[in-house]
Amino acid sequence: MIDYILIAIILVIVAAAAFYVYKAKKSGKKCIGCPDGCSACNAKKNGSHCSCGAHKHK
């Protein structure tokens, strides 16, 4: 019985994470990992590269 409960909890966590990614991508965010979707990332301000790869640097 404990096995079924643990499997259910893990499935709920994975489903919630997948739904978050789906919702974020559908809303147009290019970088889910950045707190502001790369809109206010330090890489834009100081010219360095961001790990998200969504910035176009000159």
PDB file of N, CA and C in Angstrom:
ATOM      1  N   MET A   1       0.813  -1.194   0.000  1.00  0.00           N
ATOM      2  CA  MET A   1       0.000   0.000   0.000  1.00  0.00           C
ATOM      3  C   MET A   1       0.858   1.260   0.000  1.00  0.00           C
ATOM      4  N   ILE A   2       1.933   1.224   0.765  1.00  0.00           N
ATOM      5  CA  ILE A   2       2.840   2.373   0.819  1.00  0.00           C
ATOM      6  C   ILE A   2       3.433   2.644  -0.565  1.00  0.00           C
ATOM      7  N   ASP A   3       3.722   1.577  -1.318  1.00  0.00           N
ATOM      8  CA  ASP A   3       4.293   1.742  -2.655  1.00  0.00           C
ATOM      9  C   ASP A   3       3.354   2.539  -3.553  1.00  0.00           C
ATOM     10  N   TYR A   4       2.069   2.264  -3.492  1.00  0.00           N
ATOM     11  CA  TYR A   4       1.098   2.978  -4.321  1.00  0.00           C
ATOM     12  C   TYR A   4       1.006   4.449  -3.938  1.00  0.00           C
ATOM     13  N   ILE A   5       1.109   4.724  -2.659  1.00  0.00           N
ATOM     14  CA  ILE A   5       1.063   6.108  -2.193  1.00  0.00           C
ATOM     15  C   ILE A   5       2.289   6.866  -2.678  1.00  0.00           C
ATOM     16  N   LEU A   6       3.463   6.262  -2.568  1.00  0.00           N
ATOM     17  CA  LEU A   6       4.685   6.919  -3.035  1.00  0.00           C
ATOM     18  C   LEU A   6       4.663   7.140  -4.544  1.00  0.00           C
ATOM     19  N   ILE A   7       4.195   6.163  -5.288  1.00  0.00           N
ATOM     20  CA  ILE A   7       4.097   6.307  -6.739  1.00  0.00           C
ATOM     21  C   ILE A   7       3.117   7.422  -7.090  1.00  0.00           C
ATOM     22  N   ALA A   8       2.013   7.507  -6.381  1.00  0.00           N
ATOM     23  CA  ALA A   8       1.028   8.562  -6.628  1.00  0.00           C
ATOM     24  C   ALA A   8       1.614   9.940  -6.331  1.00  0.00           C
ATOM     25  N   ILE A   9       2.365  10.064  -5.249  1.00  0.00           N
ATOM     26  CA  ILE A   9       2.987  11.349  -4.901  1.00  0.00           C
ATOM     27  C   ILE A   9       4.009  11.747  -5.964  1.00  0.00           C
ATOM     28  N   ILE A  10       4.823  10.821  -6.409  1.00  0.00           N
ATOM     29  CA  ILE A  10       5.821  11.117  -7.437  1.00  0.00           C
ATOM     30  C   ILE A  10       5.137  11.513  -8.740  1.00  0.00           C
ATOM     31  N   LEU A  11       4.063  10.819  -9.104  1.00  0.00           N
ATOM     32  CA  LEU A  11       3.333  11.168 -10.323  1.00  0.00           C
ATOM     33  C   LEU A  11       2.706  12.562 -10.238  1.00  0.00           C
ATOM     34  N   VAL A  12       2.206  12.922  -9.076  1.00  0.00           N
ATOM     35  CA  VAL A  12       1.634  14.258  -8.899  1.00  0.00           C
ATOM     36  C   VAL A  12       2.712  15.324  -9.047  1.00  0.00           C
ATOM     37  N   ILE A  13       3.883  15.099  -8.480  1.00  0.00           N
ATOM     38  CA  ILE A  13       4.980  16.058  -8.586  1.00  0.00           C
ATOM     39  C   ILE A  13       5.432  16.207 -10.038  1.00  0.00           C
ATOM     40  N   VAL A  14       5.603  15.100 -10.736  1.00  0.00           N
ATOM     41  CA  VAL A  14       6.033  15.147 -12.142  1.00  0.00           C
ATOM     42  C   VAL A  14       4.963  15.813 -13.003  1.00  0.00           C
ATOM     43  N   ALA A  15       3.701  15.514 -12.760  1.00  0.00           N
ATOM     44  CA  ALA A  15       2.625  16.128 -13.530  1.00  0.00           C
ATOM     45  C   ALA A  15       2.548  17.630 -13.282  1.00  0.00           C
ATOM     46  N   ALA A  16       2.754  18.047 -12.051  1.00  0.00           N
ATOM     47  CA  ALA A  16       2.733  19.478 -11.739  1.00  0.00           C
ATOM     48  C   ALA A  16       3.886  20.207 -12.432  1.00  0.00           C
ATOM     49  N   ALA A  17       5.066  19.600 -12.442  1.00  0.00           N
ATOM     50  CA  ALA A  17       6.209  20.208 -13.116  1.00  0.00           C
ATOM     51  C   ALA A  17       5.978  20.284 -14.624  1.00  0.00           C
ATOM     52  N   ALA A  18       5.434  19.231 -15.198  1.00  0.00           N
ATOM     53  CA  ALA A  18       5.154  19.227 -16.635  1.00  0.00           C
ATOM     54  C   ALA A  18       4.095  20.268 -16.983  1.00  0.00           C
ATOM     55  N   PHE A  19       3.079  20.411 -16.153  1.00  0.00           N
ATOM     56  CA  PHE A  19       2.050  21.415 -16.392  1.00  0.00           C
ATOM     57  C   PHE A  19       2.627  22.819 -16.298  1.00  0.00           C
ATOM     58  N   TYR A  20       3.538  23.059 -15.356  1.00  0.00           N
ATOM     59  CA  TYR A  20       4.182  24.367 -15.219  1.00  0.00           C
ATOM     60  C   TYR A  20       4.981  24.708 -16.477  1.00  0.00           C
ATOM     61  N   VAL A  21       5.746  23.745 -16.981  1.00  0.00           N
ATOM     62  CA  VAL A  21       6.534  23.974 -18.188  1.00  0.00           C
ATOM     63  C   VAL A  21       5.611  24.233 -19.377  1.00  0.00           C
ATOM     64  N   TYR A  22       4.559  23.453 -19.508  1.00  0.00           N
ATOM     65  CA  TYR A  22       3.601  23.628 -20.598  1.00  0.00           C
ATOM     66  C   TYR A  22       2.962  25.010 -20.541  1.00  0.00           C
ATOM     67  N   LYS A  23       2.531  25.418 -19.356  1.00  0.00           N
ATOM     68  CA  LYS A  23       1.879  26.712 -19.195  1.00  0.00           C
ATOM     69  C   LYS A  23       2.844  27.858 -19.482  1.00  0.00           C
ATOM     70  N   ALA A  24       4.095  27.734 -19.036  1.00  0.00           N
ATOM     71  CA  ALA A  24       5.083  28.779 -19.264  1.00  0.00           C
ATOM     72  C   ALA A  24       5.423  28.899 -20.745  1.00  0.00           C
ATOM     73  N   LYS A  25       5.594  27.781 -21.417  1.00  0.00           N
ATOM     74  CA  LYS A  25       5.888  27.812 -22.852  1.00  0.00           C
ATOM     75  C   LYS A  25       4.705  28.360 -23.646  1.00  0.00           C
ATOM     76  N   LYS A  26       3.508  28.021 -23.250  1.00  0.00           N
ATOM     77  CA  LYS A  26       2.318  28.494 -23.950  1.00  0.00           C
ATOM     78  C   LYS A  26       2.139  30.002 -23.787  1.00  0.00           C
ATOM     79  N   SER A  27       2.566  30.537 -22.649  1.00  0.00           N
ATOM     80  CA  SER A  27       2.453  31.978 -22.426  1.00  0.00           C
ATOM     81  C   SER A  27       3.552  32.759 -23.134  1.00  0.00           C
ATOM     82  N   GLY A  28       4.523  32.064 -23.736  1.00  0.00           N
ATOM     83  CA  GLY A  28       5.532  32.736 -24.544  1.00  0.00           C
ATOM     84  C   GLY A  28       6.866  32.968 -23.868  1.00  0.00           C
ATOM     85  N   LYS A  29       7.094  32.420 -22.708  1.00  0.00           N
ATOM     86  CA  LYS A  29       8.388  32.595 -22.047  1.00  0.00           C
ATOM     87  C   LYS A  29       9.452  31.824 -22.811  1.00  0.00           C
ATOM     88  N   LYS A  30      10.568  32.496 -23.079  1.00  0.00           N
ATOM     89  CA  LYS A  30      11.654  31.843 -23.801  1.00  0.00           C
ATOM     90  C   LYS A  30      12.561  31.066 -22.870  1.00  0.00           C
ATOM     91  N   CYS A  31      12.657  31.536 -21.650  1.00  0.00           N
ATOM     92  CA  CYS A  31      13.567  30.904 -20.694  1.00  0.00           C
ATOM     93  C   CYS A  31      12.804  30.659 -19.399  1.00  0.00           C
ATOM     94  N   ILE A  32      12.484  29.426 -19.139  1.00  0.00           N
ATOM     95  CA  ILE A  32      11.708  29.100 -17.950  1.00  0.00           C
ATOM     96  C   ILE A  32      12.584  29.167 -16.700  1.00  0.00           C
ATOM     97  N   GLY A  33      13.875  28.922 -16.847  1.00  0.00           N
ATOM     98  CA  GLY A  33      14.775  28.897 -15.701  1.00  0.00           C
ATOM     99  C   GLY A  33      15.056  30.255 -15.103  1.00  0.00           C
ATOM    100  N   CYS A  34      14.981  31.310 -15.905  1.00  0.00           N
ATOM    101  CA  CYS A  34      15.205  32.659 -15.388  1.00  0.00           C
ATOM    102  C   CYS A  34      13.979  33.118 -14.608  1.00  0.00           C
ATOM    103  N   PRO A  35      14.178  33.817 -13.508  1.00  0.00           N
ATOM    104  CA  PRO A  35      13.039  34.248 -12.696  1.00  0.00           C
ATOM    105  C   PRO A  35      12.050  35.130 -13.457  1.00  0.00           C
ATOM    106  N   ASP A  36      12.543  35.975 -14.349  1.00  0.00           N
ATOM    107  CA  ASP A  36      11.671  36.881 -15.101  1.00  0.00           C
ATOM    108  C   ASP A  36      11.574  36.477 -16.557  1.00  0.00           C
ATOM    109  N   GLY A  37      11.866  35.264 -16.888  1.00  0.00           N
ATOM    110  CA  GLY A  37      11.803  34.820 -18.270  1.00  0.00           C
ATOM    111  C   GLY A  37      12.822  35.519 -19.145  1.00  0.00           C
ATOM    112  N   CYS A  38      13.953  35.863 -18.602  1.00  0.00           N
ATOM    113  CA  CYS A  38      15.057  36.557 -19.273  1.00  0.00           C
ATOM    114  C   CYS A  38      14.726  38.004 -19.613  1.00  0.00           C
ATOM    115  N   SER A  39      13.679  38.560 -19.073  1.00  0.00           N
ATOM    116  CA  SER A  39      13.347  39.946 -19.388  1.00  0.00           C
ATOM    117  C   SER A  39      14.190  40.926 -18.564  1.00  0.00           C
ATOM    118  N   ALA A  40      14.656  40.513 -17.412  1.00  0.00           N
ATOM    119  CA  ALA A  40      15.445  41.399 -16.566  1.00  0.00           C
ATOM    120  C   ALA A  40      16.723  40.707 -16.117  1.00  0.00           C
ATOM    121  N   CYS A  41      17.304  39.909 -16.979  1.00  0.00           N
ATOM    122  CA  CYS A  41      18.490  39.143 -16.629  1.00  0.00           C
ATOM    123  C   CYS A  41      19.724  40.037 -16.601  1.00  0.00           C
ATOM    124  N   ASN A  42      20.690  39.756 -15.733  1.00  0.00           N
ATOM    125  CA  ASN A  42      21.928  40.534 -15.656  1.00  0.00           C
ATOM    126  C   ASN A  42      22.716  40.487 -16.949  1.00  0.00           C
ATOM    127  N   ALA A  43      22.563  39.445 -17.718  1.00  0.00           N
ATOM    128  CA  ALA A  43      23.319  39.317 -18.959  1.00  0.00           C
ATOM    129  C   ALA A  43      22.945  40.409 -19.940  1.00  0.00           C
ATOM    130  N   LYS A  44      21.717  40.885 -19.901  1.00  0.00           N
ATOM    131  CA  LYS A  44      21.305  41.967 -20.786  1.00  0.00           C
ATOM    132  C   LYS A  44      21.973  43.273 -20.378  1.00  0.00           C
ATOM    133  N   LYS A  45      22.205  43.440 -19.093  1.00  0.00           N
ATOM    134  CA  LYS A  45      22.734  44.705 -18.590  1.00  0.00           C
ATOM    135  C   LYS A  45      24.241  44.821 -18.766  1.00  0.00           C
ATOM    136  N   ASN A  46      24.977  43.759 -18.472  1.00  0.00           N
ATOM    137  CA  ASN A  46      26.428  43.876 -18.499  1.00  0.00           C
ATOM    138  C   ASN A  46      27.062  43.229 -19.722  1.00  0.00           C
ATOM    139  N   GLY A  47      26.266  42.696 -20.642  1.00  0.00           N
ATOM    140  CA  GLY A  47      26.799  42.157 -21.887  1.00  0.00           C
ATOM    141  C   GLY A  47      27.349  40.748 -21.792  1.00  0.00           C
ATOM    142  N   SER A  48      27.273  40.119 -20.639  1.00  0.00           N
ATOM    143  CA  SER A  48      27.768  38.754 -20.529  1.00  0.00           C
ATOM    144  C   SER A  48      26.721  37.792 -21.061  1.00  0.00           C
ATOM    145  N   HIS A  49      27.080  36.540 -21.165  1.00  0.00           N
ATOM    146  CA  HIS A  49      26.157  35.545 -21.694  1.00  0.00           C
ATOM    147  C   HIS A  49      25.338  34.923 -20.578  1.00  0.00           C
ATOM    148  N   CYS A  50      24.086  34.753 -20.850  1.00  0.00           N
ATOM    149  CA  CYS A  50      23.170  34.105 -19.901  1.00  0.00           C
ATOM    150  C   CYS A  50      23.137  32.621 -20.224  1.00  0.00           C
ATOM    151  N   SER A  51      22.880  31.818 -19.242  1.00  0.00           N
ATOM    152  CA  SER A  51      22.822  30.382 -19.467  1.00  0.00           C
ATOM    153  C   SER A  51      21.571  29.957 -20.219  1.00  0.00           C
ATOM    154  N   CYS A  52      20.597  30.844 -20.331  1.00  0.00           N
ATOM    155  CA  CYS A  52      19.364  30.462 -21.006  1.00  0.00           C
ATOM    156  C   CYS A  52      19.514  30.482 -22.524  1.00  0.00           C
ATOM    157  N   GLY A  53      20.423  31.267 -23.058  1.00  0.00           N
ATOM    158  CA  GLY A  53      20.652  31.308 -24.494  1.00  0.00           C
ATOM    159  C   GLY A  53      19.594  32.056 -25.264  1.00  0.00           C
ATOM    160  N   ALA A  54      18.716  32.772 -24.607  1.00  0.00           N
ATOM    161  CA  ALA A  54      17.639  33.488 -25.299  1.00  0.00           C
ATOM    162  C   ALA A  54      18.019  34.920 -25.663  1.00  0.00           C
ATOM    163  N   HIS A  55      19.154  35.388 -25.183  1.00  0.00           N
ATOM    164  CA  HIS A  55      19.563  36.764 -25.454  1.00  0.00           C
ATOM    165  C   HIS A  55      20.325  36.859 -26.757  1.00  0.00           C
ATOM    166  N   LYS A  56      20.121  37.922 -27.467  1.00  0.00           N
ATOM    167  CA  LYS A  56      20.897  38.196 -28.677  1.00  0.00           C
ATOM    168  C   LYS A  56      21.881  39.308 -28.348  1.00  0.00           C
ATOM    169  N   HIS A  57      23.156  38.949 -28.282  1.00  0.00           N
ATOM    170  CA  HIS A  57      24.201  39.905 -27.927  1.00  0.00           C
ATOM    171  C   HIS A  57      24.816  40.507 -29.166  1.00  0.00           C
ATOM    172  N   LYS A  58      25.249  41.733 -29.029  1.00  0.00           N
ATOM    173  CA  LYS A  58      25.906  42.436 -30.145  1.00  0.00           C
ATOM    174  C   LYS A  58      27.355  42.073 -30.232  1.00  0.00           C
TER     175      LYS A  58
END
